Amino acid sequence: MVESKKHTNLAITLRPATPDDLEVLRHWDEQPHSIQADPDDDWEWEKELPRNPPWREQLIAELNGRPLGFIQIIDPAEEETHYWGEVPTNLRAIDIWIGEAEDLGQGYGTVMMQLALARCFADEHVTAVLIDPLESNTRAHRFYERLGFEFVEKRTFDEDDCLVYRLDRRTWEAHS
């Protein structure tokens, strides 16, 4: 399913990521802003892109057909590594980034996140969405707070100090 939203007369769409996206994802992983936002992550693209477990969606955002960024939406209660630990059912967690530095600060991330949130909350059982930016990524904290996310706790995932934020359905509905 492809979703789109207009932003400054440009169409941003989401589509499933496929093995054909491997090279662009590797390229984005090497960009300084991506490394700064997530320095230790290895997404194992070659292994993960062909997989489609029921608890995960991996999406490519496109701007007028040009790959713009990546979004992963998971069910943290069902995700197989239990990265989030013990969490209640009916939550979603999102990872999001824009691939090229020149696309930052253009409002594209806001549109991408709005599309991702709409996708999450389209399931009437989903009560909230979680995110976990690095503690040092203050730009991301401001971004998520503008979207209505509320700080929950500081938490260490693997070896990364992160801030956990949560957006409840009621808050999202009030902002939408």
C-alpha atoms as a PDB file:
ATOM      1  CA  MET A   1       0.000   0.000   0.000  1.00  0.00           C
ATOM      2  CA  VAL A   2       1.367   3.411  -0.954  1.00  0.00           C
ATOM      3  CA  GLU A   3       0.352   6.461   1.008  1.00  0.00           C
ATOM      4  CA  SER A   4       1.105  10.043   0.074  1.00  0.00           C
ATOM      5  CA  LYS A   5       0.818  13.530   1.388  1.00  0.00           C
ATOM      6  CA  LYS A   6       1.411  16.820  -0.394  1.00  0.00           C
ATOM      7  CA  HIS A   7       4.040  19.178   1.021  1.00  0.00           C
ATOM      8  CA  THR A   8       4.968  22.371  -0.790  1.00  0.00           C
ATOM      9  CA  ASN A   9       3.499  20.947  -4.007  1.00  0.00           C
ATOM     10  CA  LEU A  10       5.653  17.813  -3.771  1.00  0.00           C
ATOM     11  CA  ALA A  11       4.274  14.330  -3.200  1.00  0.00           C
ATOM     12  CA  ILE A  12       5.838  12.260  -0.430  1.00  0.00           C
ATOM     13  CA  THR A  13       4.886   8.601  -0.612  1.00  0.00           C
ATOM     14  CA  LEU A  14       5.684   5.514   1.437  1.00  0.00           C
ATOM     15  CA  ARG A  15       6.304   2.147  -0.147  1.00  0.00           C
ATOM     16  CA  PRO A  16       7.683  -1.142   1.164  1.00  0.00           C
ATOM     17  CA  ALA A  17      11.480  -1.363   1.194  1.00  0.00           C
ATOM     18  CA  THR A  18      12.852  -4.190  -0.958  1.00  0.00           C
ATOM     19  CA  PRO A  19      16.251  -5.714  -1.685  1.00  0.00           C
ATOM     20  CA  ASP A  20      16.419  -3.285  -4.647  1.00  0.00           C
ATOM     21  CA  ASP A  21      16.885  -0.501  -2.046  1.00  0.00           C
ATOM     22  CA  LEU A  22      20.074  -2.040  -0.649  1.00  0.00           C
ATOM     23  CA  GLU A  23      22.534   0.355  -2.285  1.00  0.00           C
ATOM     24  CA  VAL A  24      20.682   3.538  -1.321  1.00  0.00           C
ATOM     25  CA  LEU A  25      20.283   2.320   2.269  1.00  0.00           C
ATOM     26  CA  ARG A  26      24.000   1.497   2.497  1.00  0.00           C
ATOM     27  CA  HIS A  27      24.772   4.958   1.113  1.00  0.00           C
ATOM     28  CA  TRP A  28      22.494   6.640   3.656  1.00  0.00           C
ATOM     29  CA  ASP A  29      24.132   4.637   6.476  1.00  0.00           C
ATOM     30  CA  GLU A  30      27.477   6.226   5.557  1.00  0.00           C
ATOM     31  CA  GLN A  31      26.247   9.838   5.714  1.00  0.00           C
ATOM     32  CA  PRO A  32      27.660  11.882   8.626  1.00  0.00           C
ATOM     33  CA  HIS A  33      24.224  12.924   9.920  1.00  0.00           C
ATOM     34  CA  SER A  34      23.091   9.268   9.934  1.00  0.00           C
ATOM     35  CA  ILE A  35      26.198   8.146  11.777  1.00  0.00           C
ATOM     36  CA  GLN A  36      25.767  10.944  14.320  1.00  0.00           C
ATOM     37  CA  ALA A  37      22.143   9.970  14.955  1.00  0.00           C
ATOM     38  CA  ASP A  38      22.875   6.236  15.195  1.00  0.00           C
ATOM     39  CA  PRO A  39      26.627   5.534  15.313  1.00  0.00           C
ATOM     40  CA  ASP A  40      26.615   1.871  16.323  1.00  0.00           C
ATOM     41  CA  ASP A  41      23.742   0.405  14.384  1.00  0.00           C
ATOM     42  CA  ASP A  42      24.149  -2.325  11.805  1.00  0.00           C
ATOM     43  CA  TRP A  43      20.818  -2.913  10.131  1.00  0.00           C
ATOM     44  CA  GLU A  44      22.048  -6.040   8.301  1.00  0.00           C
ATOM     45  CA  TRP A  45      20.215  -4.864   5.198  1.00  0.00           C
ATOM     46  CA  GLU A  46      21.179  -7.891   3.075  1.00  0.00           C
ATOM     47  CA  LYS A  47      19.516 -10.202   5.600  1.00  0.00           C
ATOM     48  CA  GLU A  48      16.607  -7.997   6.683  1.00  0.00           C
ATOM     49  CA  LEU A  49      15.277  -6.510   3.430  1.00  0.00           C
ATOM     50  CA  PRO A  50      14.053  -9.868   2.055  1.00  0.00           C
ATOM     51  CA  ARG A  51      12.325 -10.689   5.377  1.00  0.00           C
ATOM     52  CA  ASN A  52       8.772  -9.592   6.084  1.00  0.00           C
ATOM     53  CA  PRO A  53       7.896 -10.688   9.611  1.00  0.00           C
ATOM     54  CA  PRO A  54       4.325  -9.874  10.674  1.00  0.00           C
ATOM     55  CA  TRP A  55       5.526  -7.523  13.436  1.00  0.00           C
ATOM     56  CA  ARG A  56       7.481  -5.144  11.144  1.00  0.00           C
ATOM     57  CA  GLU A  57       7.152  -2.809   8.176  1.00  0.00           C
ATOM     58  CA  GLN A  58      10.214  -1.326   6.496  1.00  0.00           C
ATOM     59  CA  LEU A  59       9.302   1.583   4.244  1.00  0.00           C
ATOM     60  CA  ILE A  60      11.043   3.902   1.821  1.00  0.00           C
ATOM     61  CA  ALA A  61       9.765   7.458   1.686  1.00  0.00           C
ATOM     62  CA  GLU A  62       9.935   8.960  -1.776  1.00  0.00           C
ATOM     63  CA  LEU A  63       9.711  12.577  -2.842  1.00  0.00           C
ATOM     64  CA  ASN A  64       8.258  12.729  -6.347  1.00  0.00           C
ATOM     65  CA  GLY A  65       9.636   9.227  -6.934  1.00  0.00           C
ATOM     66  CA  ARG A  66      13.122   9.957  -5.495  1.00  0.00           C
ATOM     67  CA  PRO A  67      14.138   7.949  -2.417  1.00  0.00           C
ATOM     68  CA  LEU A  68      14.118  10.384   0.496  1.00  0.00           C
ATOM     69  CA  GLY A  69      14.264   8.390   3.714  1.00  0.00           C
ATOM     70  CA  PHE A  70      13.521   5.230   5.635  1.00  0.00           C
ATOM     71  CA  ILE A  71      10.862   4.325   8.198  1.00  0.00           C
ATOM     72  CA  GLN A  72      10.584   1.155  10.222  1.00  0.00           C
ATOM     73  CA  ILE A  73       7.423   0.453  12.200  1.00  0.00           C
ATOM     74  CA  ILE A  74       7.428  -2.466  14.617  1.00  0.00           C
ATOM     75  CA  ASP A  75       5.175  -4.046  17.172  1.00  0.00           C
ATOM     76  CA  PRO A  76       7.567  -3.914  20.156  1.00  0.00           C
ATOM     77  CA  ALA A  77       5.713  -6.653  22.042  1.00  0.00           C
ATOM     78  CA  GLU A  78       6.115  -9.073  19.133  1.00  0.00           C
ATOM     79  CA  GLU A  79       9.553  -8.040  17.788  1.00  0.00           C
ATOM     80  CA  GLU A  80      11.816 -11.079  17.982  1.00  0.00           C
ATOM     81  CA  THR A  81      14.887  -9.578  19.704  1.00  0.00           C
ATOM     82  CA  HIS A  82      12.750  -7.964  22.436  1.00  0.00           C
ATOM     83  CA  TYR A  83      14.762  -4.772  22.027  1.00  0.00           C
ATOM     84  CA  TRP A  84      12.108  -2.823  23.975  1.00  0.00           C
ATOM     85  CA  GLY A  85      11.928  -5.416  26.767  1.00  0.00           C
ATOM     86  CA  GLU A  86       8.594  -6.273  28.291  1.00  0.00           C
ATOM     87  CA  VAL A  87       6.018  -3.845  26.912  1.00  0.00           C
ATOM     88  CA  PRO A  88       2.240  -3.977  26.780  1.00  0.00           C
ATOM     89  CA  THR A  89       0.447  -5.064  23.632  1.00  0.00           C
ATOM     90  CA  ASN A  90      -1.088  -2.586  21.204  1.00  0.00           C
ATOM     91  CA  LEU A  91       1.958  -0.322  20.894  1.00  0.00           C
ATOM     92  CA  ARG A  92       4.095   0.525  17.882  1.00  0.00           C
ATOM     93  CA  ALA A  93       7.668   1.816  17.712  1.00  0.00           C
ATOM     94  CA  ILE A  94       9.125   3.863  14.871  1.00  0.00           C
ATOM     95  CA  ASP A  95      12.620   4.413  13.496  1.00  0.00           C
ATOM     96  CA  ILE A  96      12.877   7.177  10.925  1.00  0.00           C
ATOM     97  CA  TRP A  97      15.588   9.027   9.069  1.00  0.00           C
ATOM     98  CA  ILE A  98      16.190  11.158   6.029  1.00  0.00           C
ATOM     99  CA  GLY A  99      18.943   9.907   3.754  1.00  0.00           C
ATOM    100  CA  GLU A 100      20.665  13.027   2.413  1.00  0.00           C
ATOM    101  CA  ALA A 101      21.789  16.002   4.503  1.00  0.00           C
ATOM    102  CA  GLU A 102      20.395  18.524   1.998  1.00  0.00           C
ATOM    103  CA  ASP A 103      16.901  17.132   2.640  1.00  0.00           C
ATOM    104  CA  LEU A 104      17.081  17.894   6.370  1.00  0.00           C
ATOM    105  CA  GLY A 105      15.158  20.895   7.673  1.00  0.00           C
ATOM    106  CA  GLN A 106      12.769  20.992   4.699  1.00  0.00           C
ATOM    107  CA  GLY A 107       9.700  19.660   6.516  1.00  0.00           C
ATOM    108  CA  TYR A 108       9.969  16.248   4.847  1.00  0.00           C
ATOM    109  CA  GLY A 109      10.565  14.447   8.151  1.00  0.00           C
ATOM    110  CA  THR A 110       7.351  15.916   9.541  1.00  0.00           C
ATOM    111  CA  VAL A 111       5.361  14.640   6.574  1.00  0.00           C
ATOM    112  CA  MET A 112       7.075  11.242   6.764  1.00  0.00           C
ATOM    113  CA  MET A 113       6.292  10.980  10.464  1.00  0.00           C
ATOM    114  CA  GLN A 114       2.673  12.043   9.924  1.00  0.00           C
ATOM    115  CA  LEU A 115       2.300   9.294   7.326  1.00  0.00           C
ATOM    116  CA  ALA A 116       3.911   6.745   9.666  1.00  0.00           C
ATOM    117  CA  LEU A 117       1.709   7.765  12.598  1.00  0.00           C
ATOM    118  CA  ALA A 118      -1.423   7.576  10.461  1.00  0.00           C
ATOM    119  CA  ARG A 119      -0.325   4.091   9.427  1.00  0.00           C
ATOM    120  CA  CYS A 120       0.184   3.066  13.073  1.00  0.00           C
ATOM    121  CA  PHE A 121      -3.098   4.486  14.348  1.00  0.00           C
ATOM    122  CA  ALA A 122      -5.077   3.080  11.409  1.00  0.00           C
ATOM    123  CA  ASP A 123      -5.138  -0.064  13.551  1.00  0.00           C
ATOM    124  CA  GLU A 124      -7.864   0.784  16.075  1.00  0.00           C
ATOM    125  CA  HIS A 125      -6.154  -1.365  18.715  1.00  0.00           C
ATOM    126  CA  VAL A 126      -2.925   0.669  18.743  1.00  0.00           C
ATOM    127  CA  THR A 127      -2.917   2.872  21.833  1.00  0.00           C
ATOM    128  CA  ALA A 128       0.474   4.600  21.518  1.00  0.00           C
ATOM    129  CA  VAL A 129       3.712   4.920  19.551  1.00  0.00           C
ATOM    130  CA  LEU A 130       7.213   4.823  21.046  1.00  0.00           C
ATOM    131  CA  ILE A 131      10.496   6.279  19.811  1.00  0.00           C
ATOM    132  CA  ASP A 132      14.000   6.200  21.265  1.00  0.00           C
ATOM    133  CA  PRO A 133      16.365   8.886  19.919  1.00  0.00           C
ATOM    134  CA  LEU A 134      19.868   9.100  21.323  1.00  0.00           C
ATOM    135  CA  GLU A 135      20.088  11.293  24.411  1.00  0.00           C
ATOM    136  CA  SER A 136      22.589  13.480  22.539  1.00  0.00           C
ATOM    137  CA  ASN A 137      20.238  14.052  19.567  1.00  0.00           C
ATOM    138  CA  THR A 138      18.540  17.212  20.818  1.00  0.00           C
ATOM    139  CA  ARG A 139      17.312  18.093  17.331  1.00  0.00           C
ATOM    140  CA  ALA A 140      15.302  14.852  17.273  1.00  0.00           C
ATOM    141  CA  HIS A 141      13.922  15.523  20.762  1.00  0.00           C
ATOM    142  CA  ARG A 142      12.537  18.894  19.635  1.00  0.00           C
ATOM    143  CA  PHE A 143      11.140  17.327  16.455  1.00  0.00           C
ATOM    144  CA  TYR A 144       9.231  14.627  18.347  1.00  0.00           C
ATOM    145  CA  GLU A 145       7.989  17.047  21.007  1.00  0.00           C
ATOM    146  CA  ARG A 146       6.557  19.305  18.265  1.00  0.00           C
ATOM    147  CA  LEU A 147       4.614  16.280  17.014  1.00  0.00           C
ATOM    148  CA  GLY A 148       3.093  15.734  20.467  1.00  0.00           C
ATOM    149  CA  PHE A 149       5.401  13.007  21.809  1.00  0.00           C
ATOM    150  CA  GLU A 150       5.999  13.170  25.556  1.00  0.00           C
ATOM    151  CA  PHE A 151       9.200  12.210  27.350  1.00  0.00           C
ATOM    152  CA  VAL A 152       8.846   8.955  29.298  1.00  0.00           C
ATOM    153  CA  GLU A 153      12.307   8.027  30.548  1.00  0.00           C
ATOM    154  CA  LYS A 154      16.017   7.908  29.928  1.00  0.00           C
ATOM    155  CA  ARG A 155      17.015   4.365  29.029  1.00  0.00           C
ATOM    156  CA  THR A 156      20.066   2.475  27.803  1.00  0.00           C
ATOM    157  CA  PHE A 157      19.477   0.226  24.795  1.00  0.00           C
ATOM    158  CA  ASP A 158      22.469  -1.999  24.131  1.00  0.00           C
ATOM    159  CA  GLU A 159      25.176   0.578  24.891  1.00  0.00           C
ATOM    160  CA  ASP A 160      23.290   3.669  23.706  1.00  0.00           C
ATOM    161  CA  ASP A 161      21.848   6.250  26.100  1.00  0.00           C
ATOM    162  CA  CYS A 162      18.450   7.126  24.697  1.00  0.00           C
ATOM    163  CA  LEU A 163      15.378   9.099  25.636  1.00  0.00           C
ATOM    164  CA  VAL A 164      12.110   7.238  25.274  1.00  0.00           C
ATOM    165  CA  TYR A 165       9.140   9.259  24.051  1.00  0.00           C
ATOM    166  CA  ARG A 166       5.526   8.195  23.692  1.00  0.00           C
ATOM    167  CA  LEU A 167       2.622   9.537  21.661  1.00  0.00           C
ATOM    168  CA  ASP A 168      -0.777   8.376  22.890  1.00  0.00           C
ATOM    169  CA  ARG A 169      -3.671   8.001  20.473  1.00  0.00           C
ATOM    170  CA  ARG A 170      -5.659  10.796  22.213  1.00  0.00           C
ATOM    171  CA  THR A 171      -2.794  13.256  21.791  1.00  0.00           C
ATOM    172  CA  TRP A 172      -2.301  12.253  18.154  1.00  0.00           C
ATOM    173  CA  GLU A 173      -6.008  12.645  17.434  1.00  0.00           C
ATOM    174  CA  ALA A 174      -5.984  16.110  19.028  1.00  0.00           C
ATOM    175  CA  HIS A 175      -2.995  17.164  16.854  1.00  0.00           C
ATOM    176  CA  SER A 176      -4.334  15.639  13.627  1.00  0.00           C
END
